[in-house]
Protein backbone atom coordinates (compact mmCIF):
# COMPACT_ATOMS: atom_id res chain seq x y z
CA MET A 1 23.90 -12.54 16.96
CA ALA A 2 22.08 -13.18 13.72
CA THR A 3 19.24 -10.92 12.76
CA THR A 4 15.96 -12.25 11.44
CA ALA A 5 15.27 -11.22 7.85
CA LEU A 6 12.15 -9.17 7.34
CA THR A 7 9.23 -10.80 5.59
CA GLN A 8 7.97 -9.58 2.30
CA ASN A 9 4.82 -8.22 4.01
CA GLU A 10 7.00 -6.36 6.51
CA LEU A 11 8.99 -4.76 3.66
CA LYS A 12 5.88 -3.74 1.86
CA ARG A 13 4.53 -2.22 5.07
CA MET A 14 7.72 -0.17 5.44
CA VAL A 15 7.53 1.14 1.95
CA GLY A 16 3.84 1.80 2.02
CA TYR A 17 4.13 3.76 5.27
CA LYS A 18 7.21 5.70 4.13
CA SER A 19 5.51 6.70 0.85
CA VAL A 20 2.64 8.38 2.79
CA GLU A 21 4.81 9.89 5.51
CA ASP A 22 7.23 11.40 2.92
CA HIS A 23 4.74 12.59 0.31
CA VAL A 24 1.26 13.14 1.76
CA ARG A 25 0.46 16.48 3.48
CA SER A 26 -2.75 17.98 4.88
CA GLY A 27 -5.05 19.48 2.31
CA MET A 28 -3.93 17.21 -0.58
CA VAL A 29 -5.89 15.28 -3.08
CA VAL A 30 -4.29 11.80 -3.10
CA GLY A 31 -4.57 8.94 -5.59
CA LEU A 32 -4.71 5.56 -3.72
CA GLY A 33 -3.34 2.59 -5.73
CA THR A 34 -4.29 -1.08 -5.71
CA GLY A 35 -2.34 -4.11 -4.63
CA SER A 36 -0.45 -5.65 -1.76
CA THR A 37 1.91 -2.72 -1.22
CA ALA A 38 -0.59 0.00 -1.82
CA TYR A 39 -2.80 -1.69 0.85
CA PHE A 40 -0.29 -0.51 3.51
CA ALA A 41 -0.16 3.03 2.05
CA VAL A 42 -3.97 3.18 2.32
CA GLU A 43 -3.73 1.86 5.87
CA ARG A 44 -1.23 4.57 6.83
CA VAL A 45 -3.37 7.33 5.36
CA GLY A 46 -6.25 6.13 7.53
CA GLN A 47 -4.04 5.99 10.68
CA LEU A 48 -2.76 9.53 10.18
CA LEU A 49 -6.19 10.98 9.45
CA LYS A 50 -7.58 9.26 12.59
CA SER A 51 -4.75 10.60 14.74
CA GLY A 52 -5.20 14.12 13.30
CA GLU A 53 -1.69 14.24 11.88
CA LEU A 54 -3.27 14.62 8.53
CA GLN A 55 -6.29 16.85 8.00
CA ASN A 56 -8.48 17.89 5.02
CA VAL A 57 -7.18 15.01 2.82
CA VAL A 58 -9.43 13.50 0.17
CA CYS A 59 -8.50 10.45 -1.82
CA ILE A 60 -9.35 8.82 -5.22
CA PRO A 61 -9.17 5.02 -5.21
CA THR A 62 -8.09 3.04 -8.28
CA SER A 63 -10.28 0.03 -7.74
CA ILE A 64 -13.39 -1.19 -5.95
CA LYS A 65 -11.12 -3.14 -3.46
CA THR A 66 -9.20 -0.01 -2.55
CA LYS A 67 -12.43 1.94 -2.27
CA GLU A 68 -13.82 -0.61 0.21
CA GLN A 69 -10.67 -0.52 2.26
CA ALA A 70 -10.62 3.25 2.38
CA GLU A 71 -14.18 3.47 3.38
CA SER A 72 -13.60 1.02 6.15
CA LEU A 73 -10.89 3.34 7.51
CA GLY A 74 -13.04 6.48 7.31
CA ILE A 75 -10.93 8.07 4.51
CA PRO A 76 -12.95 10.76 2.60
CA LEU A 77 -13.25 9.70 -1.02
CA VAL A 78 -13.95 11.83 -4.15
CA THR A 79 -13.70 11.13 -7.92
CA LEU A 80 -11.89 12.47 -10.94
CA ASP A 81 -15.14 14.04 -11.96
CA THR A 82 -14.92 16.51 -9.07
CA HIS A 83 -11.13 16.57 -8.46
CA SER A 84 -9.30 16.25 -11.80
CA LYS A 85 -5.92 17.42 -10.41
CA LEU A 86 -4.07 15.22 -7.91
CA ASP A 87 -1.27 16.32 -5.64
CA VAL A 88 0.24 12.84 -5.37
CA ALA A 89 -0.59 9.27 -6.48
CA ILE A 90 0.82 6.38 -4.37
CA ASP A 91 0.98 2.81 -5.64
CA GLY A 92 3.07 -0.28 -5.84
CA ALA A 93 4.85 -1.54 -9.00
CA ASP A 94 5.51 -5.03 -10.26
CA GLU A 95 8.70 -4.00 -11.96
CA VAL A 96 10.68 -0.82 -12.55
CA ASP A 97 13.53 -0.03 -14.96
CA PRO A 98 16.42 2.51 -14.43
CA SER A 99 14.37 5.23 -16.21
CA LEU A 100 11.51 4.70 -13.73
CA ASN A 101 9.22 3.11 -16.36
CA LEU A 102 6.91 0.78 -14.40
CA VAL A 103 5.11 -2.45 -15.08
CA LYS A 104 1.85 -2.51 -13.15
CA GLY A 105 -1.58 -4.05 -13.26
CA GLY A 106 -0.77 -7.52 -11.98
CA GLY A 107 -3.80 -6.99 -9.72
CA GLY A 108 -6.09 -6.19 -12.62
CA ALA A 109 -6.77 -2.50 -12.10
CA LEU A 110 -4.41 -1.09 -14.65
CA LEU A 111 -6.86 1.18 -16.45
CA ARG A 112 -8.11 2.96 -13.26
CA GLU A 113 -4.51 3.09 -11.89
CA LYS A 114 -3.24 4.86 -14.94
CA MET A 115 -6.15 7.28 -15.05
CA VAL A 116 -5.31 8.30 -11.56
CA GLU A 117 -1.54 8.27 -11.79
CA GLY A 118 -1.29 9.82 -14.95
CA LEU A 119 9.69 -4.76 -18.07
CA GLY A 120 10.12 -7.84 -19.28
CA PRO A 121 10.72 -11.42 -18.23
CA GLY A 122 10.49 -10.81 -14.52
CA PHE A 123 6.79 -10.05 -14.59
CA PRO A 124 4.09 -10.47 -17.34
CA ILE A 125 2.86 -7.28 -18.91
CA PRO A 126 -0.96 -7.05 -18.49
CA VAL A 127 -3.03 -5.71 -21.33
CA GLU A 128 -6.73 -4.88 -20.79
CA ILE A 129 -8.84 -5.62 -23.88
CA THR A 130 -12.51 -5.49 -24.81
CA PRO A 131 -14.42 -8.82 -24.80
CA PHE A 132 -15.58 -8.29 -28.36
CA CYS A 133 -13.36 -10.32 -30.77
CA HIS A 134 -10.84 -10.81 -27.94
CA GLU A 135 -9.07 -13.71 -29.64
CA HIS A 136 -8.45 -11.50 -32.68
CA THR A 137 -7.12 -8.75 -30.45
CA MET A 138 -4.77 -11.24 -28.74
CA ARG A 139 -3.34 -12.26 -32.11
CA THR A 140 -2.92 -8.66 -33.17
CA VAL A 141 -1.10 -7.87 -29.92
CA ALA A 142 1.18 -10.96 -30.33
CA ASN A 143 2.19 -9.72 -33.78
CA LEU A 144 3.12 -6.13 -32.80
CA PRO A 145 6.77 -5.39 -33.75
CA SER A 146 7.91 -4.91 -30.13
CA ILE A 147 6.25 -8.16 -29.00
CA GLN A 148 6.39 -10.63 -31.91
CA GLY A 149 8.68 -13.62 -31.17
CA LYS A 150 9.46 -12.29 -27.71
CA ALA A 151 6.26 -12.92 -25.65
CA THR A 152 3.35 -15.24 -25.49
CA PRO A 153 -0.12 -13.79 -24.71
CA GLN A 154 -2.23 -15.65 -22.25
CA LEU A 155 -5.87 -14.80 -21.37
CA ARG A 156 -6.20 -14.31 -17.62
CA MET A 157 -8.45 -16.87 -16.01
CA GLY A 158 -10.23 -16.86 -12.66
CA SER A 159 -9.70 -13.79 -10.47
CA SER A 160 -8.76 -10.53 -12.22
CA SER A 161 -6.60 -9.69 -9.29
CA SER A 162 -4.10 -12.45 -9.86
CA ASN A 163 -2.01 -13.10 -12.98
CA LYS A 164 -1.83 -16.79 -12.02
CA PRO A 165 -4.77 -18.96 -13.23
CA ASP A 166 -7.12 -19.65 -10.32
CA GLY A 167 -10.38 -20.48 -12.05
CA ASP A 168 -12.11 -21.81 -15.17
CA ASN A 169 -13.87 -18.59 -16.22
CA ILE A 170 -12.26 -15.67 -18.00
CA ALA A 171 -11.22 -12.95 -15.57
CA VAL A 172 -13.21 -9.74 -15.83
CA THR A 173 -11.94 -6.33 -14.62
CA ASP A 174 -13.87 -3.72 -12.69
CA ASN A 175 -14.64 -2.15 -16.03
CA GLY A 176 -15.99 -5.31 -17.56
CA ASN A 177 -13.04 -6.08 -19.77
CA TYR A 178 -10.61 -8.97 -20.18
CA ILE A 179 -6.85 -9.04 -19.46
CA VAL A 180 -4.19 -10.63 -21.56
CA ASP A 181 -0.82 -11.28 -19.80
CA LEU A 182 2.22 -11.03 -22.02
CA HIS A 183 4.80 -13.56 -20.76
CA PHE A 184 8.23 -12.68 -22.07
CA ASP A 185 10.77 -15.36 -22.85
CA LYS A 186 13.61 -15.59 -20.27
CA ASP A 187 16.16 -14.25 -22.71
CA GLN A 188 14.09 -11.25 -23.82
CA VAL A 189 13.89 -7.89 -22.28
CA ILE A 190 11.91 -4.71 -23.12
CA THR A 191 14.46 -2.45 -24.62
CA ASP A 192 12.01 0.37 -25.53
CA ALA A 193 9.08 0.47 -23.16
CA PRO A 194 7.65 3.77 -24.53
CA GLN A 195 7.52 2.34 -28.04
CA MET A 196 5.80 -0.89 -26.83
CA ALA A 197 3.30 1.29 -24.95
CA LEU A 198 2.61 3.29 -28.09
CA GLU A 199 2.02 0.22 -30.18
CA LEU A 200 -0.33 -1.30 -27.64
CA LYS A 201 -2.29 1.91 -27.19
CA ASN A 202 -2.75 2.24 -30.96
CA THR A 203 -4.21 -1.29 -31.26
CA VAL A 204 -7.98 -1.48 -31.79
CA GLY A 205 -9.49 -3.56 -29.03
CA VAL A 206 -6.81 -2.62 -26.45
CA VAL A 207 -8.27 -0.53 -23.63
CA GLU A 208 -5.08 -0.10 -21.58
CA HIS A 209 -1.80 -1.67 -20.76
CA GLY A 210 0.44 -2.16 -17.76
CA LEU A 211 3.38 -0.04 -18.92
CA PHE A 212 3.52 3.26 -16.98
CA CYS A 213 6.10 5.30 -18.89
CA GLY A 214 7.13 8.74 -17.73
CA MET A 215 4.60 8.84 -14.98
CA ALA A 216 6.64 8.07 -11.85
CA THR A 217 8.71 10.79 -10.14
CA CYS A 218 9.93 8.73 -7.20
CA VAL A 219 10.35 5.01 -6.44
CA ILE A 220 10.85 3.72 -2.91
CA VAL A 221 12.54 0.30 -2.72
CA ALA A 222 12.85 -1.95 0.36
CA GLY A 223 15.33 -4.90 0.51
CA SER A 224 17.81 -6.66 2.70
CA ASP A 225 19.95 -3.41 2.76
CA GLY A 226 17.05 -1.28 3.97
CA ILE A 227 14.96 1.33 2.23
CA TYR A 228 16.27 3.67 -0.48
CA THR A 229 14.57 6.18 -2.78
CA LYS A 230 15.27 6.69 -6.49
CA GLU A 231 14.05 9.83 -8.26
């Protein structure tokens, strides 16, 4: 008898729930990510707090959207101003390489995500930039050694939470900045993510980028063969 393949949302729910069940304990300070997978992690935190299986947990959201979801579930929220040290941060990733370097920020919250969480052609690399002289900043980014001739920068339009154009106005992040998505050519891969991250970070006008290097300690992956963990 043939089995029905799980939908993408069902896989995301499995991963989101497992991340909380495996890594969140009572008394922790937890960073809550942003995006379609992180949504289910936030949902699970709310369920376990309501049932009493988790107690004395406080959370720091990485976006306004996550903050609103957490509040609707009765999850106690704090900020980095009062709780600078997190026990764990849970979030989804758009891409991950064998060294656990991540591409994130497709949903537009990369600066806040990275503050809390302290790679290539498969998914555009988002770069958050200041509105001032943004066209100049885009040209500068395009000419960085690790990017020149490999990727095309595109200013995100419409909603900041989608890297696909869905409006005529420039997308604006929660922090009032713009996002440039670096679309890599199909035959190009990021061979040195930390170097690219360094070049972007040192560029005037760049606020943050979507490369999360050396920050993940565990990745949970769901697919047709089930769930597995890579550390």
